[in-house]
N, C-alpha and C. Protein backbone atom coordinates (compact mmCIF):
# COMPACT_ATOMS: atom_id res chain seq x y z
N MET A 1 2.60 -64.47 15.65
CA MET A 1 2.70 -65.63 16.05
C MET A 1 1.12 -66.20 16.57
N PRO A 2 0.92 -65.60 17.51
CA PRO A 2 -0.85 -65.78 18.01
C PRO A 2 -1.49 -66.27 17.03
N ARG A 3 -1.78 -65.63 15.93
CA ARG A 3 -2.98 -65.70 14.97
C ARG A 3 -2.27 -67.05 14.45
N LEU A 4 -0.84 -67.19 13.90
CA LEU A 4 -0.15 -68.24 13.17
C LEU A 4 -0.85 -69.76 14.50
N LEU A 5 -0.61 -69.52 15.20
CA LEU A 5 -1.28 -70.74 16.14
C LEU A 5 -2.42 -71.21 16.04
N LEU A 6 -3.41 -69.85 16.12
CA LEU A 6 -4.60 -69.74 15.76
C LEU A 6 -5.22 -70.53 15.25
N ILE A 7 -4.11 -70.34 13.66
CA ILE A 7 -4.81 -70.95 12.31
C ILE A 7 -4.47 -72.24 12.46
N VAL A 8 -3.27 -72.76 13.36
CA VAL A 8 -2.94 -74.47 13.51
C VAL A 8 -3.83 -74.82 13.92
N LEU A 9 -4.32 -74.32 14.99
CA LEU A 9 -5.38 -75.01 15.87
C LEU A 9 -6.62 -75.47 15.33
N LEU A 10 -7.24 -74.44 14.68
CA LEU A 10 -8.38 -74.65 13.87
C LEU A 10 -8.11 -75.26 12.76
N LEU A 11 -7.21 -75.54 12.15
CA LEU A 11 -6.58 -76.97 11.61
C LEU A 11 -7.54 -78.17 11.77
N ILE A 12 -6.35 -78.37 12.58
CA ILE A 12 -6.30 -79.33 13.68
C ILE A 12 -7.77 -79.82 14.09
N GLY A 13 -8.62 -78.72 14.57
CA GLY A 13 -9.80 -78.62 15.05
C GLY A 13 -10.75 -78.80 14.02
N VAL A 14 -10.53 -78.68 12.81
CA VAL A 14 -11.34 -79.15 11.45
C VAL A 14 -11.46 -80.51 10.94
N SER A 15 -9.81 -81.02 11.39
CA SER A 15 -9.56 -82.42 11.13
C SER A 15 -9.89 -83.41 12.06
N ALA A 16 -10.10 -83.02 13.06
CA ALA A 16 -11.00 -83.25 14.18
C ALA A 16 -12.01 -84.06 14.42
N ILE A 17 -13.03 -82.76 14.13
CA ILE A 17 -14.37 -82.88 14.49
C ILE A 17 -14.98 -84.00 13.89
N PRO A 18 -14.51 -84.51 12.34
CA PRO A 18 -15.45 -85.87 12.01
C PRO A 18 -14.75 -87.08 12.70
N PHE A 19 -13.78 -87.10 13.85
CA PHE A 19 -13.36 -87.82 14.47
C PHE A 19 -14.38 -87.55 15.43
N LEU A 20 -14.29 -86.73 16.16
CA LEU A 20 -15.71 -86.49 17.28
C LEU A 20 -16.94 -86.98 17.05
N ILE A 21 -17.38 -86.74 15.69
CA ILE A 21 -18.78 -86.84 15.52
C ILE A 21 -19.21 -88.73 15.08
N TRP A 22 -18.43 -88.92 14.02
CA TRP A 22 -18.08 -90.08 13.44
C TRP A 22 -17.52 -91.00 13.90
N GLY A 23 -16.32 -90.76 14.13
CA GLY A 23 -15.01 -91.50 14.24
C GLY A 23 -15.70 -93.26 15.10
N GLU A 24 -16.16 -93.04 16.15
CA GLU A 24 -16.36 -94.48 16.81
C GLU A 24 -17.30 -95.63 16.18
N GLY A 25 -18.18 -94.74 15.08
CA GLY A 25 -18.90 -95.63 14.66
C GLY A 25 -18.20 -96.31 13.21
N ILE A 26 -17.29 -95.67 12.79
CA ILE A 26 -16.69 -95.88 11.55
C ILE A 26 -15.59 -96.80 11.50
N GLU A 27 -15.08 -96.41 13.04
CA GLU A 27 -13.81 -97.63 13.64
C GLU A 27 -14.43 -98.77 13.72
N ALA A 28 -15.86 -98.64 14.39
CA ALA A 28 -15.96 -100.56 14.62
C ALA A 28 -16.20 -100.94 13.24
N THR A 29 -17.16 -100.27 12.32
CA THR A 29 -17.65 -100.71 11.27
C THR A 29 -16.18 -101.24 10.30
N LEU A 30 -14.86 -100.27 10.36
CA LEU A 30 -13.81 -100.71 9.62
C LEU A 30 -12.61 -101.19 10.82
N SER A 31 -12.52 -102.07 11.32
CA SER A 31 -11.71 -102.98 12.00
C SER A 31 -10.86 -103.23 10.93
N GLN A 32 -9.71 -104.16 11.55
CA GLN A 32 -8.94 -104.80 10.05
C GLN A 32 -9.86 -105.81 9.74
N LYS A 33 -10.55 -106.50 10.30
CA LYS A 33 -11.62 -107.54 9.84
C LYS A 33 -12.64 -106.97 9.11
N GLY A 34 -13.23 -106.23 9.84
CA GLY A 34 -14.39 -105.56 8.93
C GLY A 34 -14.02 -104.81 7.67
N ALA A 35 -12.71 -104.05 8.02
CA ALA A 35 -12.30 -103.73 6.48
C ALA A 35 -12.17 -104.27 5.44
N ALA A 36 -11.52 -105.67 5.62
CA ALA A 36 -11.19 -106.80 4.62
C ALA A 36 -12.79 -107.37 4.36
N GLY A 37 -13.27 -107.51 4.87
CA GLY A 37 -14.99 -108.18 4.56
C GLY A 37 -15.53 -107.28 3.66
N PHE A 38 -15.61 -105.62 4.10
CA PHE A 38 -16.09 -104.81 3.18
C PHE A 38 -15.57 -104.58 1.90
N MET A 39 -14.16 -104.62 1.75
CA MET A 39 -13.67 -104.63 0.30
C MET A 39 -13.90 -105.56 -0.74
N ARG A 40 -14.00 -107.24 0.66
CA ARG A 40 -14.15 -108.12 -0.35
C ARG A 40 -15.61 -107.85 -1.32
N GLU A 41 -16.34 -107.22 -0.55
CA GLU A 41 -17.94 -107.31 -1.12
C GLU A 41 -17.76 -106.38 -2.55
N PHE A 42 -16.78 -105.74 -2.71
CA PHE A 42 -16.23 -104.88 -4.42
C PHE A 42 -16.04 -106.21 -5.31
N GLY A 43 -16.03 -107.12 -4.51
CA GLY A 43 -15.12 -108.34 -6.08
C GLY A 43 -13.84 -107.50 -6.38
N ASP A 44 -13.83 -107.84 -7.75
CA ASP A 44 -12.11 -108.07 -8.42
C ASP A 44 -11.74 -105.98 -7.84
N TRP A 45 -12.87 -105.14 -7.91
CA TRP A 45 -12.46 -103.55 -7.13
C TRP A 45 -12.33 -103.23 -5.95
N ALA A 46 -12.29 -104.42 -5.20
CA ALA A 46 -11.81 -104.14 -3.67
C ALA A 46 -10.74 -103.25 -3.34
N TRP A 47 -9.49 -103.24 -4.29
CA TRP A 47 -8.39 -102.42 -4.33
C TRP A 47 -9.01 -101.18 -4.48
N LEU A 48 -9.69 -100.62 -5.14
CA LEU A 48 -10.27 -99.50 -5.40
C LEU A 48 -10.73 -98.92 -3.84
N ALA A 49 -12.03 -99.52 -3.93
CA ALA A 49 -12.81 -99.41 -2.56
C ALA A 49 -11.58 -99.38 -1.41
N GLY A 50 -10.48 -100.00 -1.02
CA GLY A 50 -9.55 -99.62 -0.03
C GLY A 50 -8.79 -98.18 -0.32
N LEU A 51 -8.12 -97.93 -1.39
CA LEU A 51 -7.62 -96.97 -1.84
C LEU A 51 -8.48 -95.68 -1.66
N GLY A 52 -9.86 -95.82 -1.78
CA GLY A 52 -10.50 -94.36 -1.49
C GLY A 52 -11.00 -94.20 -0.05
N LEU A 53 -10.94 -95.58 0.96
CA LEU A 53 -11.04 -95.27 2.03
C LEU A 53 -9.99 -94.82 2.68
N ILE A 54 -8.84 -95.18 2.08
CA ILE A 54 -7.44 -94.38 2.46
C ILE A 54 -7.54 -93.24 2.28
N ALA A 55 -7.92 -92.50 1.24
CA ALA A 55 -7.85 -91.14 0.86
C ALA A 55 -8.46 -90.60 1.21
N SER A 56 -9.92 -90.92 1.64
CA SER A 56 -10.79 -90.27 2.14
C SER A 56 -10.44 -89.61 3.68
N ASP A 57 -9.49 -90.45 4.33
CA ASP A 57 -8.87 -90.17 5.79
C ASP A 57 -8.90 -88.76 5.72
N ILE A 58 -8.58 -87.80 4.32
CA ILE A 58 -8.15 -86.41 4.46
C ILE A 58 -9.37 -85.54 5.18
N ALA A 59 -10.51 -86.09 5.15
CA ALA A 59 -11.88 -85.39 5.48
C ALA A 59 -12.41 -86.09 6.52
N LEU A 60 -12.62 -87.86 6.91
CA LEU A 60 -13.45 -88.36 7.62
C LEU A 60 -12.72 -89.08 8.27
N PRO A 61 -13.22 -89.87 9.24
CA PRO A 61 -12.61 -90.31 10.11
C PRO A 61 -12.39 -91.76 10.06
N VAL A 62 -11.65 -92.25 8.73
CA VAL A 62 -11.65 -93.59 8.48
C VAL A 62 -9.99 -93.85 9.18
N PRO A 63 -10.31 -95.52 9.94
CA PRO A 63 -8.89 -95.53 10.28
C PRO A 63 -7.93 -96.48 9.39
N ALA A 64 -7.40 -95.13 8.77
CA ALA A 64 -6.47 -95.91 7.43
C ALA A 64 -5.62 -96.86 7.72
N THR A 65 -5.31 -96.94 8.72
CA THR A 65 -3.89 -98.14 8.67
C THR A 65 -4.90 -99.45 9.21
N ALA A 66 -6.16 -99.41 9.35
CA ALA A 66 -6.66 -100.76 9.54
C ALA A 66 -6.97 -100.80 8.34
N VAL A 67 -7.70 -100.55 7.70
CA VAL A 67 -7.62 -100.31 5.77
C VAL A 67 -6.28 -101.04 5.55
N MET A 68 -5.01 -100.34 5.64
CA MET A 68 -4.28 -100.77 5.08
C MET A 68 -3.82 -102.43 5.26
N ALA A 69 -3.83 -102.52 6.54
CA ALA A 69 -3.88 -104.20 7.09
C ALA A 69 -4.51 -104.72 6.22
N ALA A 70 -6.06 -104.57 6.29
CA ALA A 70 -7.33 -105.19 5.51
C ALA A 70 -6.81 -105.75 4.30
N LEU A 71 -6.13 -104.61 3.54
CA LEU A 71 -5.64 -104.62 2.03
C LEU A 71 -4.84 -106.17 2.25
N GLY A 72 -3.37 -106.16 2.89
CA GLY A 72 -3.01 -106.81 3.47
C GLY A 72 -3.32 -108.12 3.61
N ILE A 73 -4.40 -108.28 4.11
CA ILE A 73 -4.81 -109.37 4.35
C ILE A 73 -5.48 -110.01 2.73
N VAL A 74 -6.40 -109.12 2.34
CA VAL A 74 -6.72 -109.36 1.15
C VAL A 74 -6.17 -109.21 -0.24
N TYR A 75 -4.79 -108.61 -0.41
CA TYR A 75 -3.96 -108.92 -1.74
C TYR A 75 -2.25 -109.27 -1.12
N GLY A 76 -2.11 -109.22 -0.07
CA GLY A 76 -0.70 -109.50 0.35
C GLY A 76 -0.25 -108.26 0.70
N PRO A 77 1.30 -108.70 1.12
CA PRO A 77 1.91 -107.58 1.41
C PRO A 77 2.45 -106.59 0.46
N LEU A 78 2.55 -107.04 -0.75
CA LEU A 78 2.87 -106.42 -2.27
C LEU A 78 1.75 -105.16 -2.43
N PHE A 79 0.82 -105.79 -3.43
CA PHE A 79 0.16 -105.49 -3.49
C PHE A 79 -0.92 -104.58 -2.82
N GLY A 80 -1.33 -105.13 -1.90
CA GLY A 80 -1.47 -104.69 -0.30
C GLY A 80 -0.72 -103.00 -0.33
N GLY A 81 0.64 -103.61 0.24
CA GLY A 81 1.09 -102.23 0.38
C GLY A 81 1.09 -101.08 -0.43
N ALA A 82 1.07 -101.76 -1.77
CA ALA A 82 1.60 -100.61 -2.92
C ALA A 82 -0.20 -99.69 -3.22
N VAL A 83 -1.37 -100.57 -3.04
CA VAL A 83 -2.62 -99.44 -2.99
C VAL A 83 -2.48 -98.84 -1.19
N SER A 84 -2.08 -99.12 -0.42
CA SER A 84 -2.09 -98.53 0.78
C SER A 84 -1.16 -97.40 0.68
N ALA A 85 0.04 -97.79 0.22
CA ALA A 85 0.50 -96.25 0.27
C ALA A 85 0.32 -95.78 -0.99
N GLY A 86 -0.28 -95.67 -1.85
CA GLY A 86 -0.87 -94.73 -2.96
C GLY A 86 -2.45 -94.03 -2.21
N GLY A 87 -3.17 -95.13 -1.56
CA GLY A 87 -4.23 -94.33 -0.58
C GLY A 87 -3.41 -93.07 0.25
N SER A 88 -2.80 -93.55 0.75
CA SER A 88 -2.20 -92.14 2.04
C SER A 88 -1.65 -91.17 1.20
N MET A 89 -0.71 -91.56 -0.25
CA MET A 89 -0.22 -90.43 -0.78
C MET A 89 -1.30 -89.69 -1.36
N LEU A 90 -2.40 -89.94 -2.24
CA LEU A 90 -3.33 -89.66 -2.41
C LEU A 90 -3.90 -88.56 -1.62
N ALA A 91 -4.26 -89.13 -0.45
CA ALA A 91 -5.05 -88.50 0.60
C ALA A 91 -4.08 -86.55 0.72
N GLY A 92 -2.80 -87.20 0.77
CA GLY A 92 -1.69 -85.98 1.20
C GLY A 92 -2.04 -85.31 0.05
N LEU A 93 -1.98 -85.65 -1.05
CA LEU A 93 -1.74 -84.27 -2.23
C LEU A 93 -3.19 -83.81 -2.43
N VAL A 94 -4.23 -84.18 -1.96
CA VAL A 94 -5.77 -83.64 -1.96
C VAL A 94 -5.59 -82.68 -1.00
N GLY A 95 -4.96 -82.71 0.31
CA GLY A 95 -4.99 -81.73 1.09
C GLY A 95 -4.07 -80.76 0.90
N TYR A 96 -3.20 -81.18 0.46
CA TYR A 96 -2.21 -80.26 0.14
C TYR A 96 -2.46 -79.32 -1.55
N GLY A 97 -2.86 -80.03 -2.24
CA GLY A 97 -3.71 -79.20 -3.11
C GLY A 97 -4.68 -78.38 -3.27
N ILE A 98 -5.35 -78.57 -2.35
CA ILE A 98 -6.57 -77.52 -1.76
C ILE A 98 -6.11 -76.45 -1.74
N CYS A 99 -5.53 -77.00 -0.07
CA CYS A 99 -4.49 -75.70 0.64
C CYS A 99 -3.74 -74.40 -1.09
N ARG A 100 -3.11 -75.29 -1.51
CA ARG A 100 -2.13 -74.59 -2.48
C ARG A 100 -3.02 -74.01 -3.03
N LEU A 101 -4.22 -74.56 -3.47
CA LEU A 101 -5.37 -73.35 -4.80
C LEU A 101 -5.69 -72.59 -3.85
N ILE A 102 -5.96 -72.32 -2.47
CA ILE A 102 -6.27 -71.18 -1.51
C ILE A 102 -5.27 -69.94 -1.79
N GLY A 103 -4.36 -70.92 -1.50
CA GLY A 103 -2.86 -69.38 -1.97
C GLY A 103 -2.23 -68.88 -0.77
N PRO A 104 -1.43 -68.97 -0.53
CA PRO A 104 -0.43 -67.81 0.09
C PRO A 104 -0.78 -66.76 0.48
N ARG A 105 -1.68 -66.12 -0.15
CA ARG A 105 -1.91 -64.82 0.06
C ARG A 105 -3.28 -65.12 1.43
N THR A 106 -4.28 -65.96 0.92
CA THR A 106 -4.76 -66.05 1.66
C THR A 106 -4.86 -66.04 3.25
N ALA A 107 -3.85 -66.89 3.25
CA ALA A 107 -2.72 -67.51 4.51
C ALA A 107 -2.28 -66.06 5.05
N GLU A 108 -1.50 -65.21 4.18
CA GLU A 108 -1.20 -64.53 4.92
C GLU A 108 -1.96 -63.43 5.08
N ARG A 109 -3.04 -63.00 4.52
CA ARG A 109 -4.19 -62.12 5.32
C ARG A 109 -4.58 -62.71 6.57
N LEU A 110 -4.96 -64.19 6.82
CA LEU A 110 -5.21 -64.67 7.69
C LEU A 110 -4.76 -64.86 9.27
N ALA A 111 -3.13 -65.35 8.85
CA ALA A 111 -2.02 -65.20 10.08
C ALA A 111 -1.47 -63.52 10.46
N GLY A 112 -1.66 -63.31 9.26
CA GLY A 112 -0.81 -61.39 9.54
C GLY A 112 0.83 -62.04 8.64
N ALA A 113 1.23 -60.85 8.21
CA ALA A 113 2.52 -60.81 7.50
C ALA A 113 3.74 -61.66 8.23
N ALA A 114 3.90 -61.21 9.62
CA ALA A 114 4.72 -61.95 10.44
C ALA A 114 4.59 -63.48 10.63
N GLY A 115 3.29 -63.74 10.77
CA GLY A 115 2.70 -65.18 11.30
C GLY A 115 3.23 -65.84 9.93
N PHE A 116 2.71 -65.34 9.10
CA PHE A 116 3.18 -66.21 7.56
C PHE A 116 4.25 -66.30 7.21
N ALA A 117 5.11 -65.49 7.43
CA ALA A 117 6.30 -65.82 7.17
C ALA A 117 7.35 -66.40 8.39
N GLU A 118 6.80 -66.64 9.30
CA GLU A 118 7.38 -67.63 10.05
C GLU A 118 6.85 -69.12 10.26
N ALA A 119 5.69 -69.52 9.20
CA ALA A 119 5.07 -70.41 8.88
C ALA A 119 6.06 -71.12 7.87
N ARG A 120 6.48 -69.43 6.96
CA ARG A 120 7.13 -70.51 5.72
C ARG A 120 8.75 -70.79 5.86
N VAL A 121 9.26 -70.14 6.82
CA VAL A 121 10.54 -70.32 7.38
C VAL A 121 10.69 -71.45 8.12
N LEU A 122 9.43 -71.82 8.79
CA LEU A 122 9.01 -72.84 9.73
C LEU A 122 9.34 -74.49 8.92
N PHE A 123 8.19 -74.37 7.10
CA PHE A 123 8.24 -74.92 6.41
C PHE A 123 9.45 -75.58 5.69
N ASP A 124 10.18 -74.39 5.44
CA ASP A 124 11.58 -74.39 4.26
C ASP A 124 12.20 -75.25 5.30
N ARG A 125 12.59 -74.89 6.60
CA ARG A 125 13.34 -75.70 7.47
C ARG A 125 12.89 -76.97 7.68
N TRP A 126 11.93 -77.45 8.17
CA TRP A 126 11.31 -78.22 9.01
C TRP A 126 10.50 -79.09 8.09
N GLY A 127 9.41 -78.57 7.01
CA GLY A 127 8.30 -79.18 6.36
C GLY A 127 8.75 -80.64 5.96
N GLY A 128 9.27 -80.66 5.72
CA GLY A 128 9.88 -82.69 5.14
C GLY A 128 9.84 -83.00 6.20
N TRP A 129 10.77 -83.57 7.00
CA TRP A 129 10.66 -83.90 7.99
C TRP A 129 8.96 -83.88 8.78
N LEU A 130 8.55 -83.04 8.89
CA LEU A 130 7.36 -82.87 9.52
C LEU A 130 6.31 -84.00 8.62
N VAL A 131 6.14 -83.53 6.65
CA VAL A 131 5.70 -84.41 6.39
C VAL A 131 5.96 -85.80 5.91
N ALA A 132 7.21 -86.18 6.23
CA ALA A 132 7.64 -87.75 5.76
C ALA A 132 7.41 -88.10 7.28
N GLY A 133 7.43 -87.70 8.54
CA GLY A 133 7.55 -88.14 9.36
C GLY A 133 6.14 -88.72 10.51
N SER A 134 5.01 -87.38 9.88
CA SER A 134 3.85 -87.70 10.50
C SER A 134 2.76 -89.00 9.41
N ARG A 135 2.83 -89.45 8.89
CA ARG A 135 2.43 -90.23 8.04
C ARG A 135 1.25 -91.01 9.10
N TRP A 136 2.24 -91.55 9.99
CA TRP A 136 1.44 -92.69 11.01
C TRP A 136 0.56 -92.39 11.85
N LEU A 137 0.56 -90.87 11.97
CA LEU A 137 0.39 -90.44 13.30
C LEU A 137 -2.08 -90.12 13.03
N PRO A 138 -2.21 -90.02 13.99
CA PRO A 138 -4.11 -89.34 13.71
C PRO A 138 -4.16 -88.02 13.36
N VAL A 139 -4.87 -87.77 12.38
CA VAL A 139 -5.24 -86.05 12.62
C VAL A 139 -4.13 -85.03 12.04
N LEU A 140 -3.30 -85.32 12.41
CA LEU A 140 -1.86 -84.57 12.04
C LEU A 140 -1.34 -84.52 10.97
N PRO A 141 -1.48 -85.30 9.92
CA PRO A 141 -1.05 -85.65 8.89
C PRO A 141 -1.87 -84.34 7.68
N GLU A 142 -3.03 -84.54 7.94
CA GLU A 142 -3.65 -83.87 7.07
C GLU A 142 -3.70 -81.94 7.24
N THR A 143 -3.30 -81.99 8.53
CA THR A 143 -2.90 -80.61 9.11
C THR A 143 -1.60 -79.89 8.47
N ILE A 144 -0.77 -81.08 8.75
CA ILE A 144 0.45 -81.10 7.94
C ILE A 144 0.57 -80.78 6.64
N SER A 145 -0.28 -81.64 5.83
CA SER A 145 -0.56 -81.34 4.30
C SER A 145 -1.28 -79.89 4.21
N PHE A 146 -1.96 -79.45 4.83
CA PHE A 146 -2.73 -78.51 4.84
C PHE A 146 -2.09 -77.32 4.78
N LEU A 147 -1.26 -77.12 6.00
CA LEU A 147 -0.18 -76.17 6.22
C LEU A 147 0.96 -76.03 5.07
N ALA A 148 1.42 -77.03 4.81
CA ALA A 148 2.24 -77.07 3.49
C ALA A 148 1.86 -76.78 2.15
N GLY A 149 0.28 -76.94 1.88
CA GLY A 149 -0.05 -76.21 0.98
C GLY A 149 -0.34 -74.31 0.95
N LEU A 150 -0.37 -74.38 2.14
CA LEU A 150 -1.13 -73.10 2.63
C LEU A 150 0.45 -72.04 2.51
N THR A 151 1.73 -72.71 2.84
CA THR A 151 2.64 -71.94 2.96
C THR A 151 3.66 -72.05 1.62
N ALA A 152 2.93 -72.76 0.61
CA ALA A 152 3.50 -73.29 -0.78
C ALA A 152 4.73 -73.89 -0.59
N MET A 153 4.78 -74.58 0.19
CA MET A 153 6.09 -75.72 0.22
C MET A 153 6.19 -76.36 -1.22
N PRO A 154 7.19 -75.99 -2.01
CA PRO A 154 7.40 -76.29 -3.13
C PRO A 154 6.91 -78.00 -3.28
N PHE A 155 6.52 -78.23 -4.66
CA PHE A 155 5.93 -79.32 -4.41
C PHE A 155 6.43 -80.83 -4.85
N ARG A 156 7.79 -80.77 -5.26
CA ARG A 156 8.93 -81.56 -5.95
C ARG A 156 9.15 -82.09 -4.50
N ARG A 157 9.47 -80.83 -3.16
CA ARG A 157 10.13 -81.45 -1.83
C ARG A 157 8.80 -81.67 -1.33
N TYR A 158 8.11 -81.49 -1.00
CA TYR A 158 6.57 -82.23 -0.62
C TYR A 158 6.61 -83.71 -1.05
N LEU A 159 6.26 -83.95 -2.74
CA LEU A 159 5.98 -85.05 -2.71
C LEU A 159 7.01 -86.28 -2.34
N ALA A 160 7.97 -85.54 -2.41
CA ALA A 160 9.50 -86.63 -2.22
C ALA A 160 9.10 -86.66 -0.43
N ALA A 161 9.19 -85.90 0.18
CA ALA A 161 8.77 -85.98 1.76
C ALA A 161 7.63 -87.00 1.89
N LEU A 162 6.74 -86.72 0.85
CA LEU A 162 4.73 -87.40 1.24
C LEU A 162 5.24 -88.95 0.70
N ALA A 163 5.86 -89.20 -0.07
CA ALA A 163 6.65 -90.64 -0.35
C ALA A 163 7.48 -91.23 0.41
N CYS A 164 8.25 -90.91 1.22
CA CYS A 164 9.29 -91.11 2.16
C CYS A 164 8.29 -91.94 3.27
N GLY A 165 7.11 -90.82 3.49
CA GLY A 165 6.45 -91.32 4.69
C GLY A 165 5.29 -92.36 4.51
N ALA A 166 4.52 -92.09 3.03
CA ALA A 166 3.50 -92.92 2.80
C ALA A 166 3.62 -93.95 2.73
N ILE A 167 4.86 -94.24 1.29
CA ILE A 167 5.41 -95.87 1.54
C ILE A 167 5.79 -96.41 1.97
N PRO A 168 6.67 -96.70 3.05
CA PRO A 168 7.40 -96.96 4.32
C PRO A 168 5.54 -97.63 5.23
N LEU A 169 4.75 -96.79 5.01
CA LEU A 169 3.53 -97.23 6.19
C LEU A 169 2.86 -98.13 5.42
N GLY A 170 2.56 -97.77 4.53
CA GLY A 170 1.58 -98.81 3.42
C GLY A 170 2.18 -99.95 3.45
N PHE A 171 3.67 -100.13 3.38
CA PHE A 171 4.19 -101.51 3.22
C PHE A 171 4.48 -102.00 4.26
N VAL A 172 4.25 -101.63 5.27
CA VAL A 172 4.56 -101.91 6.65
C VAL A 172 3.35 -102.72 7.66
N PHE A 173 2.11 -101.78 7.37
CA PHE A 173 0.68 -102.19 7.51
C PHE A 173 0.00 -103.16 7.05
N ALA A 174 0.33 -103.00 5.46
CA ALA A 174 0.16 -104.41 4.92
C ALA A 174 0.79 -106.03 5.36
N ALA A 175 1.89 -105.64 5.40
CA ALA A 175 2.35 -106.61 5.48
C ALA A 175 1.98 -107.82 7.28
N ALA A 176 2.07 -106.44 8.23
CA ALA A 176 1.47 -106.79 9.28
C ALA A 176 -0.12 -107.58 9.39
N GLY A 177 -0.47 -106.71 8.56
CA GLY A 177 -1.93 -107.66 8.20
C GLY A 177 -2.19 -108.82 7.74
N HIS A 178 -0.79 -109.22 6.48
CA HIS A 178 -0.50 -110.32 6.25
C HIS A 178 -0.63 -111.25 6.66
N PHE A 179 0.66 -111.00 7.76
CA PHE A 179 1.56 -111.74 8.63
C PHE A 179 0.43 -111.84 9.74
N GLY A 180 -0.65 -111.26 10.08
CA GLY A 180 -1.18 -111.49 11.49
C GLY A 180 -0.30 -111.01 12.81
N ALA A 181 0.40 -109.92 12.42
CA ALA A 181 1.36 -109.76 13.71
C ALA A 181 0.44 -108.60 14.39
N ASP A 182 0.13 -108.88 15.30
CA ASP A 182 -0.53 -107.97 16.15
C ASP A 182 0.12 -107.50 17.14
N ASN A 183 1.31 -107.11 16.89
CA ASN A 183 2.23 -106.02 17.77
C ASN A 183 1.82 -104.43 17.52
N VAL A 184 0.89 -103.76 17.80
CA VAL A 184 0.77 -102.71 17.22
C VAL A 184 1.74 -101.44 17.49
N PRO A 185 2.07 -101.65 19.01
CA PRO A 185 3.31 -100.63 19.10
C PRO A 185 4.49 -100.66 18.21
N LEU A 186 4.91 -102.15 18.07
CA LEU A 186 6.01 -102.23 17.60
C LEU A 186 5.57 -101.85 15.45
N THR A 187 4.44 -102.31 15.63
CA THR A 187 4.36 -101.66 14.04
C THR A 187 4.18 -100.34 13.80
N LEU A 188 3.50 -100.15 14.63
CA LEU A 188 3.67 -97.81 15.09
C LEU A 188 5.15 -97.52 14.68
N ALA A 189 6.25 -98.03 15.85
CA ALA A 189 7.53 -97.68 15.38
C ALA A 189 8.37 -97.74 14.91
N ILE A 190 7.60 -99.18 13.84
CA ILE A 190 8.96 -99.31 12.29
C ILE A 190 8.31 -97.87 11.74
N SER A 191 6.54 -97.52 11.20
CA SER A 191 6.50 -96.85 10.38
C SER A 191 6.89 -95.37 10.59
N ALA A 192 7.33 -94.99 12.13
CA ALA A 192 7.68 -93.83 12.28
C ALA A 192 8.97 -93.55 12.15
N VAL A 193 9.79 -94.40 12.34
CA VAL A 193 11.16 -94.44 11.81
C VAL A 193 11.58 -94.66 10.50
N ALA A 194 10.48 -95.62 9.76
CA ALA A 194 11.18 -96.39 8.60
C ALA A 194 11.53 -94.73 7.62
N PRO A 195 10.70 -93.77 7.87
CA PRO A 195 11.07 -92.54 6.45
C PRO A 195 12.20 -91.89 6.69
N LEU A 196 12.69 -91.96 7.61
CA LEU A 196 13.67 -90.95 8.04
C LEU A 196 15.19 -90.94 7.06
N ALA A 197 14.87 -92.40 7.22
CA ALA A 197 16.64 -92.89 6.48
C ALA A 197 16.30 -92.44 5.13
N PRO A 198 15.41 -92.50 4.19
CA PRO A 198 15.07 -92.22 2.93
C PRO A 198 15.08 -90.43 2.97
N TRP A 199 14.39 -90.08 3.83
CA TRP A 199 14.40 -88.26 3.58
C TRP A 199 15.76 -88.17 3.76
N LEU A 200 16.21 -88.26 4.62
CA LEU A 200 17.72 -88.01 4.98
C LEU A 200 18.25 -88.01 3.92
N ALA A 201 18.17 -89.32 2.85
CA ALA A 201 19.17 -89.36 1.94
C ALA A 201 18.77 -88.38 0.64
N LEU A 202 17.24 -87.64 0.64
CA LEU A 202 16.84 -87.18 -0.43
C LEU A 202 17.01 -85.59 -0.07
N ARG A 203 16.73 -84.87 1.51
CA ARG A 203 16.88 -84.08 1.12
C ARG A 203 17.91 -82.82 1.06
N PRO A 204 18.81 -82.93 1.11
CA PRO A 204 19.96 -82.45 0.32
C PRO A 204 19.59 -82.25 -0.97
N PHE A 205 19.65 -82.70 -1.64
CA PHE A 205 19.03 -82.63 -3.28
C PHE A 205 18.02 -81.91 -3.70
N LEU A 206 17.07 -81.91 -2.75
CA LEU A 206 15.44 -81.42 -2.93
C LEU A 206 16.18 -79.85 -2.78
N THR A 207 16.05 -80.01 -1.45
CA THR A 207 16.66 -78.26 -0.16
C THR A 207 17.25 -77.48 -1.61
N ARG A 208 18.70 -77.77 -1.79
CA ARG A 208 19.46 -77.39 -2.89
C ARG A 208 18.62 -76.81 -3.83
N ARG A 209 17.60 -77.96 -4.72
CA ARG A 209 17.18 -77.76 -5.99
C ARG A 209 15.28 -76.84 -6.02
N SER A 210 15.32 -76.73 -4.53
CA SER A 210 13.82 -75.93 -4.52
C SER A 210 13.92 -74.54 -4.20
N ARG A 211 15.22 -74.14 -3.63
CA ARG A 211 15.37 -72.74 -3.01
C ARG A 211 15.09 -71.76 -4.00
N PRO A 212 15.36 -71.88 -5.67
CA PRO A 212 15.16 -70.81 -6.45
C PRO A 212 13.27 -70.56 -6.30
N SER A 213 12.70 -71.55 -5.88
CA SER A 213 11.21 -71.56 -6.42
C SER A 213 10.31 -70.55 -5.40
C-alpha cells in the first residue's frame, strides 16, 4: 500500500506542477471573458480553440470550467455545452489512453504485486464513481484517468463513467456562462451531483458485462 500511495501522490504532483508554474498567468488570461475573447479571435473555428483548451487541461493548468462558460457565451448553452463536454471527454480519454498503453505490468512493477492488486480492486469497485464524480474538481480528474488506465479499467465502463461526468459538467457551465449566472458554488454543486444519477442507472449493466474482461 505505501508504494501505491506513493504512485498516487506522484501522479497528483505531476498534474499539479504545471498549475504551480503557469497556473496564475494562464488563469488570468483565460478568465471567463478573457477566454471568450481569445476564442473569438479564431472566427469560425472558435469552437475548436475551446475544445483544444479544455482537452489540454490534461497537461496544462487551463481553467477548463471558465473556458466552458466562455463557450456558453460564444455559442449558447447547447452547442457550447456539447463542445465543452467533448473537450472534457477528450482530456479524460487521452489520459486514460496514455496510461493504458504504458500498461498494467509497468504499474505492477512500480506499485508491487500487492499494491497493484489493491488498486485494481479499488477501481473495480469504485472506479466508475471516481471517474464520474470527479470531473468538476481541479487536478484530481487527471490523476483518476491516469490510474484508470494503469489499472486497465475496462474501456466501456470508463467511457460511460467519463460521459456521465463530462456531459453534465459541460452543459451546466456553458449554461451558466450563457445566462450570466455568477453563483459559482451552486454551479459546482450541480456539476458534482448531476453525474451520480446516470452512473447509478448505468453501473449495474456495465459492471455485469465488464467482469469477464
